[in-house]
């Protein structure tokens, strides 16, 4: 489910986020201190209440903003909340079972829905060969015209042709004819007042598979600019691409890790509606801007899992669009799929492309120069820098240490001061990291005033030590960026922690990295 920035701001104003706080200011020094900084405080290890009653309550708040939990709690993501509810539905009984069925119901189930989500008037529908669109002509749920409804259907057809046709993803599992036939059903409904673009819900399990299911989607009825801040047609395009990909995901594994569900759905927006660029609004919450936040974080109160679509953009820019489908095949729970959790599926696919550590190292470094590394990077946010040193004749040494969590990084910058003139100066950079087998890595980018920039890994020994030397004269070099990387992917899985891969606890967090820069004469 896509969420508006405004909705998240409201949520975050009423609750403490589970994400670590990242400083918005880069530290700069002209001295030679030894500094210790922490990328992020560990995410709270509290066990999430995944009892059926708690899951039901979260789904209630996701759609209606009410429930037994305290009113100050932020509203969960509707698609994910409904998917979780679907997974525990069989464990509910009595009134709770009825409430769950009402939440998972289609809008055409009508006014009998106690939450008021059903259509209050008779609906109409129009079908293409693959999709049926349903809408009403009166009440608050009515689109501005039948013409808009037909435009919505035409957009869904184009999305299907791209995602199922051109990109080759599995088509959504056929339903049981609930919408009048077995075609995929989409409903128009007023959602913008809730800060929601759209959502999908699983409905019937595929025979012989626990985590593969059919589903349907609901989109806002008009995508009014007053609610979404963009031309309606643009909001329709990106939402249709995003939400339909969730329905496709239900055909792979609807119970997959949440960061994978949302980051790839947001990446899909770029494939279908590249010119819209609505997903740029999320980048400031992801690793492009905040390298110290783990890649696999799911932040229920914020936007990090949307912002990390940049990771898939980097991979597909390098290896092609088919890579994302390969990951989903390895993560899928259907017969013949890999049935691996998100990070394991990703590692298996990248094993043939140099391995996760090497790829993640290059990606983390690319984010430090996003304006050059990505096709549209000039419009992306700039990375937060952990430490900046300005070195010269009188201050030739800069040392800093930092702690980095799993699947995350930090950038340290060295700049030549005005006193380093001529060609006789160089900088020697030394990295002291945890042992290489734990996923430690480093990368160097030297931004030159003329000519091609130097971009290369800093090779680490088995113990995690590495170095590099290069010209560091003021007239030749703008700056040098050292990216320190913790590519650790070890977890204690299935610990009821939805914030990370395999609902587990990462075991490679808070790793200490030290980097030293020393100005030397040639």
Protein backbone atom coordinates (compact mmCIF):
# COMPACT_ATOMS: atom_id res chain seq x y z
CA UNK A 1 0.00 0.00 0.00
CA UNK A 2 1.28 3.43 -0.89
CA UNK A 3 1.00 6.03 1.84
CA UNK A 4 1.05 9.79 1.48
CA UNK A 5 3.80 11.79 3.15
CA UNK A 6 1.15 13.71 5.09
CA UNK A 7 -0.29 10.52 6.54
CA UNK A 8 3.11 9.41 7.75
CA UNK A 9 3.90 12.80 9.27
CA UNK A 10 0.71 12.53 11.30
CA UNK A 11 1.59 9.00 12.36
CA UNK A 12 5.10 9.92 13.39
CA UNK A 13 3.87 12.90 15.37
CA UNK A 14 1.88 10.59 17.62
CA UNK A 15 4.35 7.78 18.22
CA UNK A 16 8.05 7.05 18.61
CA UNK A 17 9.36 5.41 15.46
CA UNK A 18 11.17 2.08 15.69
CA UNK A 19 13.90 3.45 13.46
CA UNK A 20 17.13 4.84 14.85
CA UNK A 21 17.65 8.57 14.86
CA UNK A 22 20.14 9.75 12.25
CA UNK A 23 21.75 13.15 12.62
CA UNK A 24 20.81 15.60 9.90
CA UNK A 25 24.11 17.43 10.09
CA UNK A 26 27.47 16.22 8.81
CA UNK A 27 30.38 16.81 11.15
CA UNK A 28 33.27 18.80 9.74
CA UNK A 29 36.66 19.34 11.29
CA UNK A 30 39.97 20.92 10.37
CA UNK A 31 41.78 19.37 13.32
CA UNK A 32 43.02 15.83 13.80
CA UNK A 33 40.73 14.28 16.37
CA UNK A 34 39.84 10.69 16.97
CA UNK A 35 36.06 10.61 16.99
CA UNK A 36 33.62 7.81 17.70
CA UNK A 37 30.12 7.97 16.24
CA UNK A 38 27.22 5.55 16.11
CA UNK A 39 25.29 5.13 12.90
CA UNK A 40 22.14 4.18 14.69
CA UNK A 41 20.87 3.00 18.01
CA UNK A 42 19.73 -0.62 17.79
CA UNK A 43 16.12 -1.03 16.83
CA UNK A 44 14.09 -1.89 19.88
CA UNK A 45 14.11 -5.67 20.38
CA UNK A 46 10.58 -5.75 21.78
CA UNK A 47 8.60 -8.73 20.50
CA UNK A 48 5.62 -7.71 18.39
CA UNK A 49 2.28 -9.03 19.56
CA UNK A 50 1.25 -11.30 16.70
CA UNK A 51 -1.70 -12.89 18.48
CA UNK A 52 -4.81 -13.07 16.28
CA UNK A 53 -6.56 -10.43 18.35
CA UNK A 54 -3.69 -7.97 18.03
CA UNK A 55 -3.42 -8.58 14.30
CA UNK A 56 -7.14 -7.95 13.97
CA UNK A 57 -6.85 -4.75 15.93
CA UNK A 58 -4.08 -3.47 13.68
CA UNK A 59 -6.18 -4.21 10.62
CA UNK A 60 -9.09 -2.26 12.12
CA UNK A 61 -6.83 0.74 12.67
CA UNK A 62 -5.36 0.41 9.19
CA UNK A 63 -8.75 0.85 7.52
CA UNK A 64 -10.72 2.84 10.07
CA UNK A 65 -8.22 4.35 12.51
CA UNK A 66 -9.97 2.87 15.54
CA UNK A 67 -9.50 -0.14 17.77
CA UNK A 68 -8.64 -1.30 21.25
CA UNK A 69 -5.04 -0.07 21.07
CA UNK A 70 -4.30 3.40 22.36
CA UNK A 71 -5.49 6.18 20.10
CA UNK A 72 -2.00 7.61 19.77
CA UNK A 73 -0.76 4.53 17.90
CA UNK A 74 0.04 5.22 14.23
CA UNK A 75 -2.11 3.54 11.62
CA UNK A 76 -0.48 0.47 10.01
CA UNK A 77 -0.08 -0.06 6.29
CA UNK A 78 -3.43 -1.36 5.02
CA UNK A 79 -2.19 -3.95 2.49
CA UNK A 80 0.25 -5.45 4.97
CA UNK A 81 -2.23 -5.31 7.85
CA UNK A 82 -4.88 -7.09 5.78
CA UNK A 83 -2.36 -9.65 4.60
CA UNK A 84 -1.38 -10.38 8.20
CA UNK A 85 -5.05 -10.64 9.12
CA UNK A 86 -5.68 -13.07 6.30
CA UNK A 87 -2.84 -15.25 7.60
CA UNK A 88 -4.40 -15.54 11.10
CA UNK A 89 -8.08 -15.54 10.09
CA UNK A 90 -8.51 -19.27 10.70
CA UNK A 91 -7.40 -18.78 14.32
CA UNK A 92 -10.20 -16.30 15.05
CA UNK A 93 -13.69 -17.26 16.12
CA UNK A 94 -17.03 -15.72 17.01
CA UNK A 95 -17.33 -11.95 16.68
CA UNK A 96 -13.63 -11.58 15.93
CA UNK A 97 -13.98 -13.88 12.94
CA UNK A 98 -16.91 -11.81 11.69
CA UNK A 99 -14.92 -8.59 12.11
CA UNK A 100 -12.01 -10.09 10.17
CA UNK A 101 -14.31 -11.21 7.36
CA UNK A 102 -15.78 -7.69 7.21
CA UNK A 103 -12.34 -6.12 6.92
CA UNK A 104 -11.30 -8.57 4.20
CA UNK A 105 -14.55 -8.10 2.30
CA UNK A 106 -14.85 -6.44 -1.09
CA UNK A 107 -16.63 -3.09 -1.41
CA UNK A 108 -19.44 -4.82 -3.32
CA UNK A 109 -20.37 -6.69 -0.13
CA UNK A 110 -22.39 -3.55 0.56
CA UNK A 111 -23.78 -1.77 3.59
CA UNK A 112 -23.74 -4.91 5.69
CA UNK A 113 -20.08 -4.24 6.34
CA UNK A 114 -20.06 -2.94 9.95
CA UNK A 115 -17.01 -0.78 9.21
CA UNK A 116 -18.77 1.16 6.47
CA UNK A 117 -16.33 0.10 3.77
CA UNK A 118 -18.93 -1.45 1.50
CA UNK A 119 -20.62 0.41 -1.32
CA UNK A 120 -23.89 1.96 -0.16
CA UNK A 121 -25.37 1.97 -3.66
CA UNK A 122 -25.50 -0.45 -6.53
CA UNK A 123 -22.21 -0.83 -8.38
CA UNK A 124 -21.45 -1.15 -12.06
CA UNK A 125 -18.55 -2.83 -13.78
CA UNK A 126 -16.64 -2.88 -17.02
CA UNK A 127 -14.24 -5.65 -17.98
CA UNK A 128 -11.29 -6.05 -20.30
CA UNK A 129 -9.94 -9.49 -21.25
CA UNK A 130 -7.95 -9.60 -17.98
CA UNK A 131 -9.35 -7.05 -15.50
CA UNK A 132 -12.78 -6.02 -14.24
CA UNK A 133 -13.26 -2.55 -12.75
CA UNK A 134 -16.10 -1.87 -10.30
CA UNK A 135 -17.45 1.53 -9.24
CA UNK A 136 -20.59 3.34 -8.12
CA UNK A 137 -22.26 6.38 -9.68
CA UNK A 138 -23.39 8.05 -6.45
CA UNK A 139 -22.24 8.48 -2.83
CA UNK A 140 -18.81 9.60 -1.61
CA UNK A 141 -17.23 6.59 -3.35
CA UNK A 142 -18.28 7.65 -6.84
CA UNK A 143 -15.54 8.70 -9.30
CA UNK A 144 -16.04 12.09 -10.99
CA UNK A 145 -17.36 10.39 -14.14
CA UNK A 146 -17.66 7.12 -16.01
CA UNK A 147 -14.88 8.45 -18.20
CA UNK A 148 -12.52 8.41 -15.21
CA UNK A 149 -13.60 4.86 -14.41
CA UNK A 150 -12.80 3.78 -17.96
CA UNK A 151 -9.45 5.54 -17.73
CA UNK A 152 -8.75 3.57 -14.56
CA UNK A 153 -9.55 0.33 -16.36
CA UNK A 154 -7.35 1.28 -19.31
CA UNK A 155 -4.50 2.03 -16.91
CA UNK A 156 -4.90 -1.35 -15.22
CA UNK A 157 -4.76 -3.04 -18.62
CA UNK A 158 -1.47 -1.29 -19.40
CA UNK A 159 -0.08 -2.26 -16.00
CA UNK A 160 -1.02 -5.91 -16.61
CA UNK A 161 0.64 -5.84 -20.04
CA UNK A 162 3.86 -4.55 -18.51
CA UNK A 163 4.10 -6.58 -15.32
CA UNK A 164 2.67 -9.88 -16.52
CA UNK A 165 3.27 -9.53 -20.25
CA UNK A 166 6.58 -7.77 -20.81
CA UNK A 167 8.31 -8.42 -17.47
CA UNK A 168 6.98 -11.96 -17.22
CA UNK A 169 5.70 -12.12 -13.63
CA UNK A 170 3.14 -14.73 -12.62
CA UNK A 171 -0.39 -13.51 -13.17
CA UNK A 172 -2.53 -13.11 -10.06
CA UNK A 173 -4.16 -16.31 -8.88
CA UNK A 174 -7.68 -16.57 -10.32
CA UNK A 175 -10.46 -15.96 -7.81
CA UNK A 176 -13.63 -18.03 -7.52
CA UNK A 177 -15.79 -15.76 -9.64
CA UNK A 178 -16.73 -13.49 -6.74
CA UNK A 179 -16.69 -10.38 -8.95
CA UNK A 180 -18.97 -12.02 -11.52
CA UNK A 181 -16.21 -13.94 -13.30
CA UNK A 182 -12.68 -15.15 -12.63
CA UNK A 183 -10.93 -12.04 -13.93
CA UNK A 184 -8.89 -9.85 -11.60
CA UNK A 185 -11.08 -7.31 -9.81
CA UNK A 186 -10.28 -3.69 -8.97
CA UNK A 187 -12.61 -1.36 -7.05
CA UNK A 188 -12.76 2.43 -6.91
CA UNK A 189 -13.43 3.93 -3.48
CA UNK A 190 -12.79 7.13 -1.56
CA UNK A 191 -9.49 6.53 0.26
CA UNK A 192 -7.67 9.85 0.07
CA UNK A 193 -9.31 11.17 3.23
CA UNK A 194 -7.47 8.37 5.05
CA UNK A 195 -4.11 9.22 3.52
CA UNK A 196 -4.16 6.03 1.42
CA UNK A 197 -3.61 5.72 -2.34
CA UNK A 198 -4.89 2.15 -2.53
CA UNK A 199 -4.57 -1.33 -1.08
CA UNK A 200 -4.92 -5.01 -1.93
CA UNK A 201 -6.07 -7.98 0.11
CA UNK A 202 -5.54 -11.74 -0.34
CA UNK A 203 -8.72 -13.75 -0.57
CA UNK A 204 -8.49 -17.49 -1.41
CA UNK A 205 -5.49 -19.74 -0.97
CA UNK A 206 -4.25 -21.54 -4.04
CA UNK A 207 -4.71 -25.32 -3.73
CA UNK A 208 -1.70 -27.00 -2.15
CA UNK A 209 0.06 -23.79 -1.10
CA UNK A 210 -0.13 -22.09 2.29
CA UNK A 211 1.23 -18.70 1.24
CA UNK A 212 -0.07 -18.29 -2.32
CA UNK A 213 -3.47 -16.68 -2.78
CA UNK A 214 -5.82 -14.81 -5.05
CA UNK A 215 -6.73 -11.24 -4.23
CA UNK A 216 -8.34 -7.98 -5.28
CA UNK A 217 -7.34 -4.33 -5.14
CA UNK A 218 -9.01 -1.06 -4.18
CA UNK A 219 -7.88 2.29 -5.59
CA UNK A 220 -8.90 5.81 -4.69
CA UNK A 221 -11.92 6.94 -6.66
CA UNK A 222 -10.50 10.16 -8.10
CA UNK A 223 -6.95 10.82 -6.79
CA UNK A 224 -7.91 14.42 -6.18
CA UNK A 225 -4.94 16.76 -6.31
CA UNK A 226 -6.13 18.41 -3.11
CA UNK A 227 -5.56 15.08 -1.32
CA UNK A 228 -2.52 13.68 -3.12
CA UNK A 229 -0.71 16.79 -4.32
CA UNK A 230 -0.22 15.60 -7.92
CA UNK A 231 -2.30 15.49 -11.11
CA UNK A 232 -4.88 12.70 -10.71
CA UNK A 233 -3.72 10.77 -13.78
CA UNK A 234 -0.19 10.60 -12.41
CA UNK A 235 -1.30 9.32 -9.00
CA UNK A 236 -3.48 6.74 -10.75
CA UNK A 237 -0.55 5.43 -12.80
CA UNK A 238 1.88 4.93 -9.94
CA UNK A 239 -0.76 3.50 -7.61
CA UNK A 240 -2.04 1.04 -10.20
CA UNK A 241 1.51 -0.20 -10.87
CA UNK A 242 2.34 -0.46 -7.16
CA UNK A 243 -0.86 -2.12 -5.98
CA UNK A 244 -1.17 -4.56 -8.85
CA UNK A 245 2.35 -5.73 -8.10
CA UNK A 246 1.14 -6.58 -4.59
CA UNK A 247 -1.52 -8.79 -6.17
CA UNK A 248 1.24 -10.44 -8.21
CA UNK A 249 3.24 -10.92 -5.01
CA UNK A 250 0.28 -12.84 -3.56
CA UNK A 251 0.93 -15.35 -6.37
CA UNK A 252 4.53 -15.75 -5.14
CA UNK A 253 4.36 -15.52 -1.34
CA UNK A 254 2.01 -13.09 0.39
CA UNK A 255 3.74 -13.77 3.72
CA UNK A 256 7.20 -12.69 2.51
CA UNK A 257 9.27 -10.10 4.39
CA UNK A 258 7.60 -6.72 4.36
CA UNK A 259 10.59 -4.72 3.18
CA UNK A 260 10.75 -6.86 0.04
CA UNK A 261 7.02 -6.49 -0.59
CA UNK A 262 7.04 -2.70 -0.44
CA UNK A 263 10.46 -1.81 -1.86
CA UNK A 264 9.90 -3.86 -5.03
CA UNK A 265 6.35 -2.54 -5.45
CA UNK A 266 7.70 1.01 -5.26
CA UNK A 267 10.44 0.10 -7.74
CA UNK A 268 7.73 -1.13 -10.11
CA UNK A 269 6.30 2.39 -10.26
CA UNK A 270 9.47 3.48 -12.03
CA UNK A 271 9.07 0.74 -14.62
CA UNK A 272 5.51 1.75 -15.52
CA UNK A 273 5.43 5.50 -14.91
CA UNK A 274 9.03 6.64 -15.18
CA UNK A 275 8.09 10.23 -16.05
CA UNK A 276 5.88 10.69 -12.99
CA UNK A 277 8.66 10.33 -10.40
CA UNK A 278 6.23 10.28 -7.49
CA UNK A 279 8.37 7.67 -5.72
CA UNK A 280 11.14 10.22 -5.31
CA UNK A 281 9.24 11.50 -2.30
CA UNK A 282 10.33 8.37 -0.40
CA UNK A 283 14.06 8.51 -1.16
CA UNK A 284 14.86 10.84 1.73
CA UNK A 285 13.72 8.08 4.11
CA UNK A 286 15.82 5.35 2.50
CA UNK A 287 19.49 4.47 2.18
CA UNK A 288 20.30 7.05 -0.48
CA UNK A 289 19.88 9.73 2.16
CA UNK A 290 20.43 7.61 5.28
CA UNK A 291 23.13 5.00 4.60
CA UNK A 292 23.24 3.88 8.23
CA UNK A 293 19.71 2.44 8.21
CA UNK A 294 19.68 -1.28 7.29
CA UNK A 295 18.43 -2.19 3.83
CA UNK A 296 15.87 -4.69 5.13
CA UNK A 297 14.20 -2.42 7.67
CA UNK A 298 10.42 -2.35 7.69
CA UNK A 299 9.36 0.81 9.52
CA UNK A 300 5.61 0.62 10.19
CA UNK A 301 5.51 4.29 11.22
CA UNK A 302 7.45 5.69 8.28
CA UNK A 303 8.68 5.40 4.73
CA UNK A 304 12.05 3.62 4.82
CA UNK A 305 10.82 0.44 3.12
CA UNK A 306 9.43 2.55 0.26
CA UNK A 307 12.60 4.66 -0.03
CA UNK A 308 14.80 1.59 -0.45
CA UNK A 309 13.42 1.03 -3.94
CA UNK A 310 16.73 2.67 -4.84
CA UNK A 311 18.45 -0.67 -4.19
CA UNK A 312 16.43 -2.39 -6.91
CA UNK A 313 16.96 0.60 -9.19
CA UNK A 314 20.71 0.21 -8.75
CA UNK A 315 20.60 -3.55 -9.43
CA UNK A 316 18.38 -3.35 -12.48
CA UNK A 317 20.32 -0.42 -13.91
CA UNK A 318 23.33 -2.71 -13.71
CA UNK A 319 21.89 -6.18 -14.42
CA UNK A 320 18.50 -5.60 -16.06
CA UNK A 321 14.88 -5.69 -14.92
CA UNK A 322 14.73 -9.49 -14.86
CA UNK A 323 16.84 -9.59 -11.70
CA UNK A 324 13.92 -8.57 -9.46
CA UNK A 325 11.78 -11.37 -10.85
CA UNK A 326 14.63 -13.80 -10.19
CA UNK A 327 14.63 -12.77 -6.54
CA UNK A 328 10.87 -13.26 -6.30
CA UNK A 329 11.16 -16.72 -7.87
CA UNK A 330 13.69 -17.66 -5.19
CA UNK A 331 11.45 -16.15 -2.50
CA UNK A 332 8.25 -17.71 -3.86
CA UNK A 333 6.24 -20.37 -2.05
CA UNK A 334 4.61 -21.92 -5.13
CA UNK A 335 5.61 -25.33 -6.44
CA UNK A 336 9.07 -25.18 -8.01
CA UNK A 337 10.03 -21.86 -6.37
CA UNK A 338 12.94 -21.38 -3.96
CA UNK A 339 10.83 -20.80 -0.84
CA UNK A 340 13.64 -18.69 0.69
CA UNK A 341 13.19 -15.65 2.88
CA UNK A 342 14.00 -12.28 1.30
CA UNK A 343 17.70 -11.86 2.05
CA UNK A 344 18.55 -15.49 1.29
CA UNK A 345 16.71 -15.22 -2.02
CA UNK A 346 18.61 -12.03 -2.83
CA UNK A 347 21.97 -13.56 -1.91
CA UNK A 348 21.32 -16.60 -4.08
CA UNK A 349 20.58 -14.43 -7.11
CA UNK A 350 23.59 -12.18 -6.52
CA UNK A 351 25.94 -15.15 -5.99
CA UNK A 352 26.27 -15.33 -9.77
CA UNK A 353 27.06 -11.62 -9.96
CA UNK A 354 29.99 -11.36 -7.60
CA UNK A 355 28.18 -11.99 -4.33
CA UNK A 356 26.06 -9.88 -2.02
CA UNK A 357 28.94 -8.19 -0.19
CA UNK A 358 30.59 -6.93 -3.37
CA UNK A 359 27.34 -5.74 -4.92
CA UNK A 360 26.10 -4.09 -1.74
CA UNK A 361 29.48 -2.37 -1.31
CA UNK A 362 29.22 -0.85 -4.78
CA UNK A 363 25.60 0.17 -4.21
CA UNK A 364 26.41 1.85 -0.89
CA UNK A 365 29.23 3.80 -2.51
CA UNK A 366 27.03 4.80 -5.45
CA UNK A 367 24.61 6.42 -3.04
CA UNK A 368 27.35 8.85 -2.00
CA UNK A 369 27.39 10.17 -5.58
CA UNK A 370 23.76 9.53 -6.54
CA UNK A 371 23.72 12.47 -8.96
CA UNK A 372 26.22 10.59 -11.13
CA UNK A 373 25.42 6.98 -10.28
CA UNK A 374 21.71 6.95 -11.18
CA UNK A 375 20.05 8.00 -14.42
CA UNK A 376 17.83 10.50 -12.62
CA UNK A 377 20.14 10.97 -9.65
CA UNK A 378 20.50 14.72 -10.08
CA UNK A 379 17.00 15.05 -8.66
CA UNK A 380 17.65 12.66 -5.77
CA UNK A 381 18.60 13.68 -2.23
CA UNK A 382 22.26 13.77 -1.27
CA UNK A 383 23.71 11.31 1.22
CA UNK A 384 24.33 12.18 4.83
CA UNK A 385 28.04 12.22 5.57
CA UNK A 386 29.14 10.81 8.90
CA UNK A 387 32.37 12.79 9.12
CA UNK A 388 34.23 15.31 6.98
CA UNK A 389 37.91 16.15 7.47
CA UNK A 390 39.69 19.12 5.87
CA UNK A 391 43.39 18.28 5.94
CA UNK A 392 46.39 20.49 5.24
CA UNK A 393 50.01 21.11 6.17
CA UNK A 394 49.14 21.93 9.76
CA UNK A 395 46.49 19.25 10.20
CA UNK A 396 47.63 16.20 8.30
CA UNK A 397 45.77 13.46 10.12
CA UNK A 398 42.10 12.63 10.58
CA UNK A 399 40.76 9.55 12.37
CA UNK A 400 37.20 8.55 13.12
CA UNK A 401 35.44 5.41 14.29
CA UNK A 402 31.83 4.53 13.74
CA UNK A 403 29.50 1.64 14.47
CA UNK A 404 27.43 0.29 11.64
CA UNK A 405 24.47 -2.08 11.68
CA UNK A 406 23.83 -4.94 9.24
CA UNK A 407 23.25 -4.23 5.55
CA UNK A 408 24.16 -0.59 6.11
CA UNK A 409 27.05 1.82 5.55
CA UNK A 410 28.66 5.15 6.43
CA UNK A 411 30.46 7.75 4.36
CA UNK A 412 33.59 9.58 5.54
CA UNK A 413 34.96 12.47 3.45
CA UNK A 414 38.48 13.89 3.26
CA UNK A 415 39.05 17.26 1.57
CA UNK A 416 42.42 18.87 0.76
CA UNK A 417 42.91 22.24 2.44
CA UNK A 418 44.16 25.35 0.63
CA UNK A 419 47.71 24.73 1.83
CA UNK A 420 48.07 21.50 -0.17
CA UNK A 421 49.22 23.02 -3.46
CA UNK A 422 51.22 21.46 -6.24
CA UNK A 423 51.68 17.79 -7.05
CA UNK A 424 53.75 16.66 -4.09
CA UNK A 425 50.91 15.70 -1.72
CA UNK A 426 49.12 12.40 -1.34
CA UNK A 427 46.64 10.91 1.10
CA UNK A 428 46.99 7.47 2.60
CA UNK A 429 43.71 6.03 3.85
CA UNK A 430 43.70 3.06 6.23
CA UNK A 431 40.52 1.15 7.13
CA UNK A 432 40.34 -1.11 10.18
CA UNK A 433 37.08 -3.09 10.08
CA UNK A 434 35.69 -6.31 11.55
CA UNK A 435 37.00 -9.47 9.89
CA UNK A 436 36.17 -9.77 6.22
CA UNK A 437 34.16 -12.98 6.64
CA UNK A 438 31.57 -11.06 8.67
CA UNK A 439 30.68 -8.91 5.66
CA UNK A 440 32.99 -5.94 6.17
CA UNK A 441 33.94 -3.96 3.09
CA UNK A 442 35.10 -0.51 2.00
CA UNK A 443 35.03 1.55 -1.16
CA UNK A 444 36.93 4.64 -2.33
CA UNK A 445 35.78 7.44 -4.62
CA UNK A 446 38.23 10.22 -5.42
CA UNK A 447 36.44 13.20 -6.98
CA UNK A 448 38.94 14.89 -9.26
CA UNK A 449 38.77 18.44 -10.54
CA UNK A 450 39.58 17.24 -14.06
CA UNK A 451 39.30 13.86 -15.72
CA UNK A 452 37.61 10.65 -14.65
CA UNK A 453 37.03 10.03 -10.97
CA UNK A 454 38.74 7.13 -9.22
CA UNK A 455 36.20 4.56 -8.07
CA UNK A 456 37.43 1.28 -6.63
CA UNK A 457 37.02 -1.12 -3.69
CA UNK A 458 39.51 -0.95 -0.86
CA UNK A 459 40.70 -4.53 -0.53
CA UNK A 460 40.54 -5.79 3.05
CA UNK A 461 42.63 -8.56 4.57
CA UNK A 462 40.99 -11.46 6.35
CA UNK A 463 41.23 -9.43 9.55
CA UNK A 464 39.49 -6.45 7.93
CA UNK A 465 42.42 -4.10 7.33
CA UNK A 466 42.96 -2.27 4.05
CA UNK A 467 44.56 0.86 2.63
CA UNK A 468 44.82 3.08 -0.43
CA UNK A 469 47.04 6.01 -1.43
CA UNK A 470 46.39 8.68 -4.06
CA UNK A 471 47.19 12.24 -5.10
CA UNK A 472 45.66 14.74 -2.70
CA UNK A 473 46.61 18.18 -4.00
CA UNK A 474 44.06 21.00 -3.83
CA UNK A 475 44.39 21.77 -7.53
CA UNK A 476 43.85 18.11 -8.55
CA UNK A 477 41.32 16.69 -6.07
CA UNK A 478 37.98 17.95 -4.77
CA UNK A 479 37.47 15.28 -2.14
CA UNK A 480 37.81 11.60 -1.32
CA UNK A 481 34.86 9.56 -0.07
CA UNK A 482 35.48 6.39 1.91
CA UNK A 483 32.35 4.25 2.21
CA UNK A 484 32.47 1.81 5.13
CA UNK A 485 30.15 -1.15 4.67
CA UNK A 486 28.65 -3.76 6.97
CA UNK A 487 27.15 -6.31 4.56
CA UNK A 488 26.42 -8.85 7.30
CA UNK A 489 23.29 -10.95 6.61
CA UNK A 490 23.16 -13.22 9.66
CA UNK A 491 19.88 -13.51 11.56
CA UNK A 492 18.26 -15.52 14.30
CA UNK A 493 15.12 -16.10 12.30
CA UNK A 494 11.44 -16.28 13.18
CA UNK A 495 11.62 -14.33 16.43
CA UNK A 496 8.40 -12.39 15.79
CA UNK A 497 10.33 -9.32 14.66
CA UNK A 498 8.65 -7.93 11.52
CA UNK A 499 11.22 -5.15 11.28
CA UNK A 500 13.89 -7.28 9.55
CA UNK A 501 14.46 -10.26 7.28
CA UNK A 502 12.86 -13.61 8.22
CA UNK A 503 11.05 -11.87 11.10
CA UNK A 504 14.31 -12.30 12.95
CA UNK A 505 16.97 -10.61 15.00
CA UNK A 506 20.14 -9.51 13.16
CA UNK A 507 23.33 -10.78 14.77
CA UNK A 508 25.78 -8.52 12.92
CA UNK A 509 24.79 -5.08 14.23
CA UNK A 510 26.86 -2.43 16.01
CA UNK A 511 30.13 -3.38 14.29
CA UNK A 512 33.02 -0.97 14.81
CA UNK A 513 34.86 0.53 11.83
CA UNK A 514 37.86 2.86 12.00
CA UNK A 515 39.20 4.96 9.12
CA UNK A 516 42.33 7.11 9.17
CA UNK A 517 43.55 9.60 6.61
CA UNK A 518 47.19 10.76 6.63
CA UNK A 519 48.58 13.50 4.37
CA UNK A 520 52.08 12.63 3.14
CA UNK A 521 54.65 14.15 0.83
CA UNK A 522 55.33 12.25 -2.36
